Amino acid sequence: MKYKEHYDVVIVGSGLAGLVSAIILAKEGKSVCVLEKNNQYGGNLQTFVRNKTIFDTGVHYIGGLSKGQNLHQYFKYIGILDGIQLHKMDEDGFDIISFDDDPKEYKHAQGYTNFIKTLIEDFPEEEEGIKKYCEQMKATCKKFPLYSLEKGKPYYDDAEIFQLPAKEHINSFTKNKKLQAVLAGSNYLYAGDQNKTPFYVHALSTNSYIESSYRCVNGGSQITKVLLKRLKEEGGEVYKHHEVNKFVYADGKITSVTTTKGIEIKGDLFISNIEPKLTVKMVGEDKFRKSYTNRIEKIESTIAAFSLYIVLKPNTFKYQNKNFYHFKDASKVWDSHNYTQESWPEGYMMSMGIKKNANEFGDSIAVMTYMHYDEVKPWEDTYNTVAHKNERGQTYEQFKTEKAETLIDELEKKFPNIRECIETYYTSTPLSYRDYIGSNRGSMYAYVKDVNKPLHSHVSPKTKIKNLYFTGQSLNMHGILGVTISAIITCSEILDKDYLLDKILESNKHEVQ
């Protein structure tokens, strides 16, 4: 492989934020090199194929992608919109919230007018509260200028929003317990915790899906393919099977990175798209202030997940153009991570994949539920990825099968006879997330945002090492939109924020009326 002697920018990790940062900086004429340890680029955009069926590991749907909306504007600027095939989800109910003890399905509809109208049909007495809730959602999102692409403002407008608790605030709009549960029902999107999650996390996550919701046809990895194509067009370089094991430090800055293959890559600026906890260890904790390394070390990671990937028998289970968030009862909406071995799972999110030439029947289902990392601790010394195959042993396979069967029993309650539609299934545990994504303890969404310690988990893209930057889901928000914004924030530190926003707005001005 032909590496340059020296790059302007070296990016470690090819998750969405790493690739978006690479494109933005390459567009500015910088020589950029991206290094990825895995066989597949894209971090949480990775897909896998089993029985000729494509499964997403992380991206089940995307919000904010209609013309003029925030993610649409960002994707238009980096030039990847035309290459992505999208399928709009059910406008009258893209997310369905339901409970074991209630046969009714409650719908989240697309577009605020529709969202309000649909909820009022189910809760006619609650019109005022529903409208207030929606106003608060929009007002909160407005306080994050990069979320609404506003120039000349700091990254957030109002420090108090970090201290507003989600559960309490949502419940303040209505006394109706069922409506409270329905409004918070999609909180698997951010691993909602009743004692910790701030309202802004709920608002930023949920708002973009209400604005518009799409599925990626043939899976989210097509986004990675378009990103890689764009990066190469701009002269950037990407290398997989290049696992960085050290950041080389001299004279107060990073001079190069080395890989497990003994390759050294030199550069001026370094962006780490891997988790800050891990980055600090690879740079050397002694290179940072003790107070900083202590804080990073103590940030709590969000809960992990167990996922079930079902290959359906042909023409047996109708394709559902929506997601299902199902709970044992309304009181579990904020509490399904507190399970016992007997009560697991307290809830789940179910989503379906869509193929290019799909008919009325589905070919795949993904089901996700919470799982504590401690459950897989007996096997934590084993590592298994495509690049490094490794068996975790018979007891692990047994553990996964038992969990999968329990989860299918739960699915049967909501979707009777689903068992008969299953051709085969596959599973992933917190260890899969740890090994493929490099997330601490298999965490789903990086770091916990805690309303009681609002700035504790706030990680700046700038580090005290003058040429080392962070990007990715550990910074501000997770999810496709959150991570794209984190790349914008990182690049703003390098290029100047208003200059970059001007470019983004300029590239969109013919579309935004």
Protein backbone atom coordinates (compact mmCIF):
# COMPACT_ATOMS: atom_id res chain seq x y z
CA MET A 1 0.00 0.00 0.00
CA LYS A 2 1.25 3.45 -0.86
CA TYR A 3 1.00 5.77 2.13
CA LYS A 4 2.01 9.41 1.98
CA GLU A 5 5.06 10.46 3.97
CA HIS A 6 2.84 12.77 5.94
CA TYR A 7 -0.87 13.69 6.03
CA ASP A 8 -2.58 16.92 7.02
CA VAL A 9 -5.18 14.89 8.93
CA VAL A 10 -5.14 11.30 10.22
CA ILE A 11 -8.49 9.93 11.42
CA VAL A 12 -8.61 6.82 13.58
CA GLY A 13 -11.89 4.89 13.15
CA SER A 14 -14.27 4.97 10.20
CA GLY A 15 -17.58 5.41 11.96
CA LEU A 16 -20.00 7.94 10.47
CA ALA A 17 -18.39 10.90 12.29
CA GLY A 18 -14.91 9.88 11.14
CA LEU A 19 -15.98 9.62 7.50
CA VAL A 20 -18.02 12.85 7.55
CA SER A 21 -15.08 14.71 9.14
CA ALA A 22 -12.76 13.21 6.51
CA ILE A 23 -14.97 14.42 3.63
CA ILE A 24 -15.38 17.93 5.07
CA LEU A 25 -11.62 18.35 5.56
CA ALA A 26 -10.76 16.77 2.19
CA LYS A 27 -13.20 19.21 0.55
CA GLU A 28 -11.07 21.95 2.09
CA GLY A 29 -8.02 20.63 0.26
CA LYS A 30 -6.42 18.77 3.16
CA SER A 31 -4.71 15.39 2.65
CA VAL A 32 -6.71 12.94 4.77
CA CYS A 33 -6.12 9.33 5.79
CA VAL A 34 -8.71 7.20 7.66
CA LEU A 35 -7.64 4.01 9.47
CA GLU A 36 -10.13 1.26 10.39
CA LYS A 37 -9.39 -1.90 12.39
CA ASN A 38 -12.34 -3.94 11.11
CA ASN A 39 -13.14 -5.73 7.92
CA GLN A 40 -16.04 -3.33 7.34
CA TYR A 41 -16.04 0.47 7.44
CA GLY A 42 -18.82 2.48 9.03
CA GLY A 43 -18.99 1.67 12.77
CA ASN A 44 -22.70 1.45 13.67
CA LEU A 45 -23.59 1.63 9.96
CA GLN A 46 -22.21 -1.88 9.52
CA THR A 47 -24.52 -4.52 8.13
CA PHE A 48 -24.13 -8.26 7.88
CA VAL A 49 -25.63 -10.84 5.55
CA ARG A 50 -27.06 -14.19 6.68
CA ASN A 51 -29.07 -16.51 4.44
CA LYS A 52 -28.86 -13.89 1.66
CA THR A 53 -30.63 -11.45 4.02
CA ILE A 54 -29.19 -8.05 4.97
CA PHE A 55 -29.31 -6.98 8.62
CA ASP A 56 -28.48 -3.59 10.11
CA THR A 57 -26.49 -3.58 13.31
CA GLY A 58 -27.40 -0.05 14.35
CA VAL A 59 -29.42 1.92 11.84
CA HIS A 60 -33.08 0.91 11.86
CA TYR A 61 -34.44 4.22 10.65
CA ILE A 62 -33.31 7.79 10.03
CA GLY A 63 -35.05 11.10 10.76
CA GLY A 64 -34.75 14.64 9.43
CA LEU A 65 -34.08 13.64 5.84
CA SER A 66 -36.90 15.42 3.99
CA LYS A 67 -36.01 18.53 1.97
CA GLY A 68 -34.96 21.47 4.12
CA GLN A 69 -34.65 19.37 7.31
CA ASN A 70 -31.38 19.31 9.24
CA LEU A 71 -29.88 15.95 8.24
CA HIS A 72 -30.94 16.52 4.62
CA GLN A 73 -28.96 19.79 4.62
CA TYR A 74 -25.86 18.18 6.12
CA PHE A 75 -25.98 15.20 3.74
CA LYS A 76 -26.54 17.53 0.79
CA TYR A 77 -23.42 19.51 1.70
CA ILE A 78 -21.21 16.42 1.90
CA GLY A 79 -22.75 15.22 -1.36
CA ILE A 80 -24.16 11.83 -0.41
CA LEU A 81 -27.93 12.31 -0.79
CA ASP A 82 -28.21 11.05 -4.33
CA GLY A 83 -26.50 7.79 -3.54
CA ILE A 84 -28.82 6.68 -0.72
CA GLN A 85 -31.99 4.74 -1.40
CA LEU A 86 -34.64 5.59 1.16
CA HIS A 87 -38.12 4.32 1.87
CA LYS A 88 -40.47 6.64 3.77
CA MET A 89 -42.10 4.99 6.75
CA ASP A 90 -45.82 5.03 7.55
CA GLU A 91 -46.75 8.70 7.88
CA ASP A 92 -49.71 7.93 10.15
CA GLY A 93 -47.72 5.77 12.54
CA PHE A 94 -44.01 5.18 11.99
CA ASP A 95 -43.55 4.20 15.65
CA ILE A 96 -46.10 2.10 17.49
CA ILE A 97 -46.15 2.03 21.29
CA SER A 98 -47.94 -0.90 22.92
CA PHE A 99 -48.33 -2.79 26.19
CA ASP A 100 -49.05 -6.38 27.19
CA ASP A 101 -52.14 -5.44 29.18
CA ASP A 102 -53.71 -3.19 26.51
CA PRO A 103 -54.74 -4.43 23.04
CA LYS A 104 -54.63 -0.89 21.62
CA GLU A 105 -51.67 0.36 19.57
CA TYR A 106 -50.67 4.00 20.07
CA LYS A 107 -49.16 5.77 17.09
CA HIS A 108 -46.45 8.36 16.60
CA ALA A 109 -47.26 10.01 13.27
CA GLN A 110 -44.94 12.03 11.00
CA GLY A 111 -45.23 15.80 10.93
CA TYR A 112 -46.29 17.68 14.08
CA THR A 113 -49.82 18.43 12.81
CA ASN A 114 -50.38 14.76 12.11
CA PHE A 115 -48.60 13.69 15.32
CA ILE A 116 -50.95 15.90 17.39
CA LYS A 117 -54.11 14.88 15.49
CA THR A 118 -53.35 11.16 15.85
CA LEU A 119 -52.68 11.38 19.59
CA ILE A 120 -55.81 13.47 20.19
CA GLU A 121 -57.87 10.69 18.58
CA ASP A 122 -56.62 8.34 21.31
CA PHE A 123 -56.62 10.93 24.10
CA PRO A 124 -59.41 13.42 23.28
CA GLU A 125 -59.26 15.04 26.75
CA GLU A 126 -55.56 15.76 26.44
CA GLU A 127 -55.37 18.18 23.50
CA GLU A 128 -53.82 21.01 25.48
CA GLY A 129 -51.09 18.84 27.04
CA ILE A 130 -50.21 17.19 23.71
CA LYS A 131 -49.83 20.58 22.02
CA LYS A 132 -47.74 21.95 24.89
CA TYR A 133 -45.48 18.90 24.74
CA CYS A 134 -44.89 19.47 21.00
CA GLU A 135 -44.17 23.16 21.51
CA GLN A 136 -41.62 22.29 24.19
CA MET A 137 -39.97 19.72 21.92
CA LYS A 138 -39.51 22.26 19.14
CA ALA A 139 -38.40 25.05 21.51
CA THR A 140 -35.78 22.76 23.07
CA CYS A 141 -34.36 21.74 19.69
CA LYS A 142 -34.13 25.41 18.75
CA LYS A 143 -31.69 25.91 21.62
CA PHE A 144 -29.07 23.85 19.78
CA PRO A 145 -27.99 26.07 16.88
CA LEU A 146 -26.24 23.32 14.90
CA TYR A 147 -29.39 21.20 15.13
CA SER A 148 -31.26 23.98 13.32
CA LEU A 149 -28.21 25.20 11.34
CA GLU A 150 -28.14 28.66 12.89
CA LYS A 151 -25.05 30.82 12.59
CA GLY A 152 -23.24 33.05 15.01
CA LYS A 153 -24.27 31.28 18.20
CA PRO A 154 -22.48 29.02 20.68
CA TYR A 155 -23.14 25.27 20.49
CA TYR A 156 -26.05 25.65 22.87
CA ASP A 157 -27.98 28.66 24.04
CA ASP A 158 -29.13 27.88 27.50
CA ALA A 159 -27.26 25.86 30.14
CA GLU A 160 -30.47 25.25 32.11
CA ILE A 161 -31.77 22.83 29.48
CA PHE A 162 -29.14 20.32 30.59
CA GLN A 163 -30.81 20.19 34.01
CA LEU A 164 -34.39 19.53 32.92
CA PRO A 165 -35.32 15.85 33.55
CA ALA A 166 -37.11 14.06 30.71
CA LYS A 167 -39.55 11.89 32.65
CA GLU A 168 -40.64 14.64 35.03
CA HIS A 169 -40.98 17.19 32.23
CA ILE A 170 -42.99 14.90 29.94
CA ASN A 171 -45.25 13.99 32.86
CA SER A 172 -45.87 17.67 33.58
CA PHE A 173 -47.93 17.99 30.37
CA THR A 174 -50.52 15.41 31.37
CA LYS A 175 -51.73 13.46 34.37
CA ASN A 176 -52.82 10.60 32.09
CA LYS A 177 -50.42 7.74 32.90
CA LYS A 178 -50.98 6.01 29.56
CA LEU A 179 -50.29 9.17 27.56
CA GLN A 180 -47.15 9.80 29.62
CA ALA A 181 -45.97 6.32 28.64
CA VAL A 182 -46.89 6.81 24.97
CA LEU A 183 -45.01 10.13 24.71
CA ALA A 184 -41.88 8.52 26.17
CA GLY A 185 -42.48 5.17 24.48
CA SER A 186 -39.64 5.29 21.95
CA ASN A 187 -36.98 5.92 24.56
CA TYR A 188 -35.03 2.85 23.45
CA LEU A 189 -33.65 5.39 20.96
CA TYR A 190 -31.50 6.86 23.72
CA ALA A 191 -31.67 4.27 26.54
CA GLY A 192 -33.95 6.48 28.63
CA ASP A 193 -33.43 6.35 32.38
CA GLN A 194 -36.05 7.90 34.65
CA ASN A 195 -33.47 9.21 37.13
CA LYS A 196 -30.92 10.55 34.67
CA THR A 197 -32.08 11.33 31.13
CA PRO A 198 -32.43 15.06 30.40
CA PHE A 199 -35.41 16.26 28.35
CA TYR A 200 -33.14 17.70 25.63
CA VAL A 201 -31.88 14.16 24.83
CA HIS A 202 -35.49 13.03 24.38
CA ALA A 203 -36.32 16.10 22.27
CA LEU A 204 -33.30 15.94 19.96
CA SER A 205 -33.76 12.19 19.39
CA THR A 206 -37.52 12.16 18.91
CA ASN A 207 -38.05 15.42 17.04
CA SER A 208 -36.17 14.47 13.90
CA TYR A 209 -38.22 11.27 13.50
CA ILE A 210 -41.47 13.19 13.95
CA GLU A 211 -40.28 15.54 11.20
CA SER A 212 -39.68 12.61 8.86
CA SER A 213 -38.78 8.93 9.17
CA TYR A 214 -37.07 6.76 6.57
CA ARG A 215 -35.66 3.28 6.25
CA CYS A 216 -32.54 2.57 4.24
CA VAL A 217 -33.36 0.16 1.41
CA ASN A 218 -30.93 -2.80 1.67
CA GLY A 219 -29.52 -1.54 4.96
CA GLY A 220 -27.49 1.34 6.37
CA SER A 221 -24.14 0.21 4.96
CA GLN A 222 -25.11 1.88 1.68
CA ILE A 223 -24.51 5.18 3.51
CA THR A 224 -20.94 3.99 4.21
CA LYS A 225 -20.42 3.07 0.54
CA VAL A 226 -21.49 6.55 -0.62
CA LEU A 227 -19.33 8.22 2.06
CA LEU A 228 -16.28 6.21 0.97
CA LYS A 229 -16.93 7.04 -2.69
CA ARG A 230 -17.23 10.76 -1.88
CA LEU A 231 -14.09 10.71 0.24
CA LYS A 232 -12.07 9.11 -2.55
CA GLU A 233 -13.44 11.65 -5.05
CA GLU A 234 -12.07 14.37 -2.77
CA GLY A 235 -8.66 12.66 -2.69
CA GLY A 236 -8.98 11.09 0.77
CA GLU A 237 -7.54 7.66 1.59
CA VAL A 238 -9.05 4.86 3.70
CA TYR A 239 -7.47 1.65 4.93
CA LYS A 240 -9.22 -1.24 6.68
CA HIS A 241 -7.53 -3.97 8.76
CA HIS A 242 -5.39 -1.15 10.14
CA GLU A 243 -5.82 -1.33 13.89
CA VAL A 244 -4.15 1.62 15.60
CA ASN A 245 -2.57 0.62 18.90
CA LYS A 246 -0.68 3.77 19.80
CA PHE A 247 -0.67 7.53 19.36
CA VAL A 248 2.99 8.63 19.32
CA TYR A 249 3.55 11.75 21.43
CA ALA A 250 6.50 14.16 21.30
CA ASP A 251 6.99 17.83 22.20
CA GLY A 252 3.44 18.37 23.43
CA LYS A 253 1.69 16.93 20.38
CA ILE A 254 0.89 13.73 18.51
CA THR A 255 3.38 13.07 15.71
CA SER A 256 2.07 9.78 14.33
CA VAL A 257 0.02 6.65 15.01
CA THR A 258 1.25 3.08 14.83
CA THR A 259 -0.80 0.00 13.90
CA THR A 260 -0.68 -3.59 15.13
CA LYS A 261 1.04 -4.42 11.80
CA GLY A 262 3.89 -2.10 12.72
CA ILE A 263 2.97 0.62 10.20
CA GLU A 264 3.57 4.23 11.23
CA ILE A 265 1.39 7.01 9.78
CA LYS A 266 2.51 10.60 10.33
CA GLY A 267 0.33 13.70 10.31
CA ASP A 268 -0.30 17.27 11.45
CA LEU A 269 -3.75 16.78 13.00
CA PHE A 270 -5.24 13.64 14.51
CA ILE A 271 -8.94 12.96 15.00
CA SER A 272 -9.99 10.01 17.12
CA ASN A 273 -13.34 8.52 16.13
CA ILE A 274 -12.89 5.86 18.79
CA GLU A 275 -14.15 6.19 22.30
CA PRO A 276 -12.35 8.84 24.44
CA LYS A 277 -11.79 6.33 27.28
CA LEU A 278 -9.84 4.13 24.87
CA THR A 279 -8.10 7.04 23.12
CA VAL A 280 -6.74 8.40 26.41
CA LYS A 281 -5.23 4.99 27.20
CA MET A 282 -3.67 4.72 23.72
CA VAL A 283 -2.13 8.20 23.96
CA GLY A 284 -0.97 7.58 27.54
CA GLU A 285 -2.80 8.87 30.60
CA ASP A 286 0.31 10.74 31.73
CA LYS A 287 -0.03 13.06 28.69
CA PHE A 288 -3.23 14.59 30.11
CA ARG A 289 -4.09 16.31 33.36
CA LYS A 290 -4.96 13.87 36.13
CA SER A 291 -8.33 15.58 36.68
CA TYR A 292 -9.19 15.09 32.97
CA THR A 293 -8.28 11.39 32.81
CA ASN A 294 -10.17 10.78 36.07
CA ARG A 295 -13.27 12.47 34.71
CA ILE A 296 -13.16 10.55 31.40
CA GLU A 297 -12.59 7.29 33.25
CA LYS A 298 -15.58 7.90 35.54
CA ILE A 299 -18.12 8.79 32.82
CA GLU A 300 -20.81 6.14 32.89
CA SER A 301 -21.57 4.28 29.67
CA THR A 302 -25.17 3.60 28.62
CA ILE A 303 -26.63 0.14 28.97
CA ALA A 304 -25.83 -2.53 26.38
CA ALA A 305 -28.19 -4.52 24.15
CA PHE A 306 -29.13 -8.02 23.14
CA SER A 307 -30.33 -8.21 19.54
CA LEU A 308 -32.20 -10.92 17.71
CA TYR A 309 -32.01 -11.08 13.91
CA ILE A 310 -34.74 -13.16 12.34
CA VAL A 311 -34.70 -14.53 8.78
CA LEU A 312 -38.34 -15.02 7.81
CA LYS A 313 -39.71 -17.85 5.68
CA PRO A 314 -40.78 -16.39 2.32
CA ASN A 315 -44.33 -14.97 2.15
CA THR A 316 -45.27 -15.68 5.77
CA PHE A 317 -45.04 -12.38 7.68
CA LYS A 318 -46.36 -9.12 6.24
CA TYR A 319 -43.86 -6.27 5.93
CA GLN A 320 -44.60 -3.60 8.58
CA ASN A 321 -43.57 -0.12 7.52
CA LYS A 322 -43.18 0.95 11.14
CA ASN A 323 -41.31 0.13 14.35
CA PHE A 324 -42.84 -1.41 17.46
CA TYR A 325 -41.88 -0.37 20.98
CA HIS A 326 -43.54 -2.85 23.28
CA PHE A 327 -43.57 -2.97 27.09
CA LYS A 328 -45.03 -5.34 29.66
CA ASP A 329 -46.97 -2.39 31.04
CA ALA A 330 -46.97 1.41 31.02
CA SER A 331 -44.94 1.64 34.24
CA LYS A 332 -42.02 -0.11 32.53
CA VAL A 333 -41.43 2.54 29.85
CA TRP A 334 -38.71 4.26 31.88
CA ASP A 335 -37.68 1.19 33.75
CA SER A 336 -37.17 -1.75 31.42
CA HIS A 337 -33.41 -1.81 32.08
CA ASN A 338 -34.23 -2.82 35.67
CA TYR A 339 -35.00 -6.46 34.97
CA THR A 340 -34.48 -9.72 36.80
CA GLN A 341 -33.59 -13.03 35.14
CA GLU A 342 -37.25 -13.97 35.47
CA SER A 343 -38.73 -10.70 34.21
CA TRP A 344 -36.36 -10.17 31.22
CA PRO A 345 -37.18 -8.70 28.76
CA GLU A 346 -39.40 -5.95 30.19
CA GLY A 347 -39.73 -4.42 26.72
CA TYR A 348 -38.23 -4.43 23.23
CA MET A 349 -38.00 -2.54 19.97
CA MET A 350 -38.85 -4.43 16.80
CA SER A 351 -38.02 -3.20 13.31
CA MET A 352 -38.11 -4.72 9.82
CA GLY A 353 -35.64 -4.49 6.95
CA ILE A 354 -36.73 -3.54 3.46
CA LYS A 355 -35.24 -4.85 0.23
CA LYS A 356 -35.03 -3.19 -3.14
CA ASN A 357 -37.77 -5.18 -4.87
CA ALA A 358 -39.87 -5.87 -1.79
CA ASN A 359 -43.37 -7.31 -2.05
CA GLU A 360 -45.98 -7.20 0.70
CA PHE A 361 -44.07 -9.71 2.82
CA GLY A 362 -41.00 -9.02 4.91
CA ASP A 363 -37.80 -11.01 4.81
CA SER A 364 -36.14 -9.91 8.04
CA ILE A 365 -36.87 -8.66 11.55
CA ALA A 366 -34.50 -7.13 14.09
CA VAL A 367 -35.47 -7.06 17.77
CA MET A 368 -33.47 -5.18 20.36
CA THR A 369 -33.75 -5.21 24.11
CA TYR A 370 -31.56 -4.15 27.02
CA MET A 371 -28.90 -6.40 28.47
CA HIS A 372 -26.44 -5.60 31.24
CA TYR A 373 -22.81 -6.22 30.38
CA ASP A 374 -22.38 -8.24 33.57
CA GLU A 375 -24.49 -11.01 32.03
CA VAL A 376 -21.75 -11.71 29.47
CA LYS A 377 -18.85 -11.16 31.87
CA PRO A 378 -17.99 -14.89 31.99
CA TRP A 379 -16.86 -14.59 28.36
CA GLU A 380 -15.34 -11.10 28.44
CA ASP A 381 -11.80 -12.37 27.79
CA THR A 382 -12.83 -13.69 24.36
CA TYR A 383 -12.76 -11.49 21.26
CA ASN A 384 -14.50 -12.26 18.00
CA THR A 385 -14.70 -10.20 14.80
CA VAL A 386 -14.62 -11.03 11.08
CA ALA A 387 -10.96 -10.02 11.02
CA HIS A 388 -10.15 -12.15 14.07
CA LYS A 389 -12.41 -15.21 14.23
CA ASN A 390 -12.77 -16.72 17.66
CA GLU A 391 -15.22 -19.07 19.31
CA ARG A 392 -16.53 -18.06 22.73
CA GLY A 393 -17.51 -21.64 23.52
CA GLN A 394 -20.53 -23.85 24.06
CA THR A 395 -21.85 -22.19 27.21
CA TYR A 396 -21.99 -18.82 25.42
CA GLU A 397 -23.95 -20.33 22.51
CA GLN A 398 -26.35 -21.89 25.02
CA PHE A 399 -26.75 -18.57 26.82
CA LYS A 400 -27.60 -16.81 23.54
CA THR A 401 -30.08 -19.49 22.49
CA GLU A 402 -31.91 -19.34 25.82
CA LYS A 403 -32.16 -15.55 25.59
CA ALA A 404 -33.35 -15.69 21.98
CA GLU A 405 -36.06 -18.23 22.80
CA THR A 406 -37.27 -16.12 25.74
CA LEU A 407 -37.43 -13.05 23.50
CA ILE A 408 -39.35 -14.96 20.80
CA ASP A 409 -41.85 -16.06 23.49
CA GLU A 410 -42.39 -12.37 24.26
CA LEU A 411 -42.82 -11.53 20.57
CA GLU A 412 -45.44 -14.27 20.25
CA LYS A 413 -47.68 -12.40 22.73
CA LYS A 414 -47.85 -9.42 20.39
CA PHE A 415 -47.44 -11.25 17.07
CA PRO A 416 -49.14 -14.63 17.50
CA ASN A 417 -47.64 -17.42 15.36
CA ILE A 418 -44.47 -15.44 14.59
CA ARG A 419 -42.52 -18.58 15.53
CA GLU A 420 -43.95 -20.42 12.55
CA CYS A 421 -42.63 -17.67 10.23
CA ILE A 422 -39.01 -17.98 11.41
CA GLU A 423 -36.63 -19.75 9.07
CA THR A 424 -33.63 -19.16 11.31
CA TYR A 425 -32.23 -16.51 13.63
CA TYR A 426 -28.96 -14.96 14.77
CA THR A 427 -28.09 -12.98 17.89
CA SER A 428 -25.67 -10.36 19.16
CA THR A 429 -24.77 -9.52 22.74
CA PRO A 430 -22.91 -6.68 24.48
CA LEU A 431 -19.67 -8.47 23.52
CA SER A 432 -20.51 -8.16 19.82
CA TYR A 433 -20.92 -4.38 20.22
CA ARG A 434 -17.71 -4.18 22.23
CA ASP A 435 -15.68 -6.09 19.64
CA TYR A 436 -17.10 -4.57 16.44
CA ILE A 437 -17.81 -1.00 17.52
CA GLY A 438 -15.18 -0.70 20.25
CA SER A 439 -17.72 0.61 22.74
CA ASN A 440 -17.00 0.43 26.45
CA ARG A 441 -18.77 -2.62 27.98
CA GLY A 442 -20.80 -2.98 24.78
CA SER A 443 -22.61 0.30 25.45
CA MET A 444 -25.35 1.12 22.91
CA TYR A 445 -25.08 4.89 22.87
CA ALA A 446 -21.72 5.84 24.35
CA TYR A 447 -21.99 8.00 27.48
CA VAL A 448 -24.88 8.55 29.85
CA LYS A 449 -26.19 12.12 29.83
CA ASP A 450 -27.06 12.66 33.49
CA VAL A 451 -29.34 15.53 34.43
CA ASN A 452 -27.86 15.50 37.96
CA LYS A 453 -24.30 15.99 36.62
CA PRO A 454 -24.94 17.88 33.39
CA LEU A 455 -21.37 18.65 32.39
CA HIS A 456 -19.77 15.48 33.73
CA SER A 457 -20.22 13.55 30.47
CA HIS A 458 -19.64 16.55 28.22
CA VAL A 459 -16.53 15.78 26.14
CA SER A 460 -15.07 18.62 24.10
CA PRO A 461 -13.79 17.80 20.60
CA LYS A 462 -10.60 19.67 21.54
CA THR A 463 -8.15 18.03 23.89
CA LYS A 464 -5.31 19.62 25.84
CA ILE A 465 -2.97 18.08 23.25
CA LYS A 466 -3.07 20.80 20.66
CA ASN A 467 -3.40 18.63 17.53
CA LEU A 468 -5.62 15.83 18.90
CA TYR A 469 -9.41 16.00 18.47
CA PHE A 470 -12.34 13.72 19.26
CA THR A 471 -15.40 13.05 17.16
CA GLY A 472 -18.32 10.59 17.28
CA GLN A 473 -21.21 9.57 19.48
CA SER A 474 -19.36 10.13 22.75
CA LEU A 475 -19.33 13.89 22.18
CA ASN A 476 -22.83 15.34 22.07
CA MET A 477 -25.44 12.95 20.82
CA HIS A 478 -25.57 9.52 19.28
CA GLY A 479 -27.64 8.47 16.25
CA ILE A 480 -27.08 9.37 12.60
CA LEU A 481 -28.00 13.02 13.11
CA GLY A 482 -26.17 13.42 16.44
CA VAL A 483 -23.01 11.87 15.07
CA THR A 484 -23.12 13.96 11.88
CA ILE A 485 -23.41 17.08 14.04
CA SER A 486 -20.48 15.88 16.16
CA ALA A 487 -18.36 15.74 12.98
CA ILE A 488 -19.45 19.30 12.14
CA ILE A 489 -18.47 20.43 15.66
CA THR A 490 -15.06 18.74 15.39
CA CYS A 491 -14.38 20.26 11.96
CA SER A 492 -15.58 23.67 13.24
CA GLU A 493 -12.73 23.60 15.74
CA ILE A 494 -10.30 23.09 12.86
CA LEU A 495 -11.88 25.31 10.18
CA ASP A 496 -13.98 27.96 12.00
CA LYS A 497 -17.62 27.40 12.76
CA ASP A 498 -19.27 30.23 10.83
CA TYR A 499 -17.13 29.56 7.77
CA LEU A 500 -18.25 25.91 7.73
CA LEU A 501 -21.92 26.73 8.38
CA ASP A 502 -21.82 29.28 5.55
CA LYS A 503 -20.64 26.55 3.21
CA ILE A 504 -23.37 24.15 4.36
CA LEU A 505 -26.11 26.78 4.01
CA GLU A 506 -24.76 27.90 0.64
CA SER A 507 -24.91 24.34 -0.73
CA ASN A 508 -28.57 24.15 0.32
CA LYS A 509 -29.86 27.58 -0.57
CA HIS A 510 -31.62 26.53 -3.80
CA GLU A 511 -33.64 23.92 -1.91
CA VAL A 512 -34.65 25.68 1.28
CA GLN A 513 -37.46 28.00 0.41
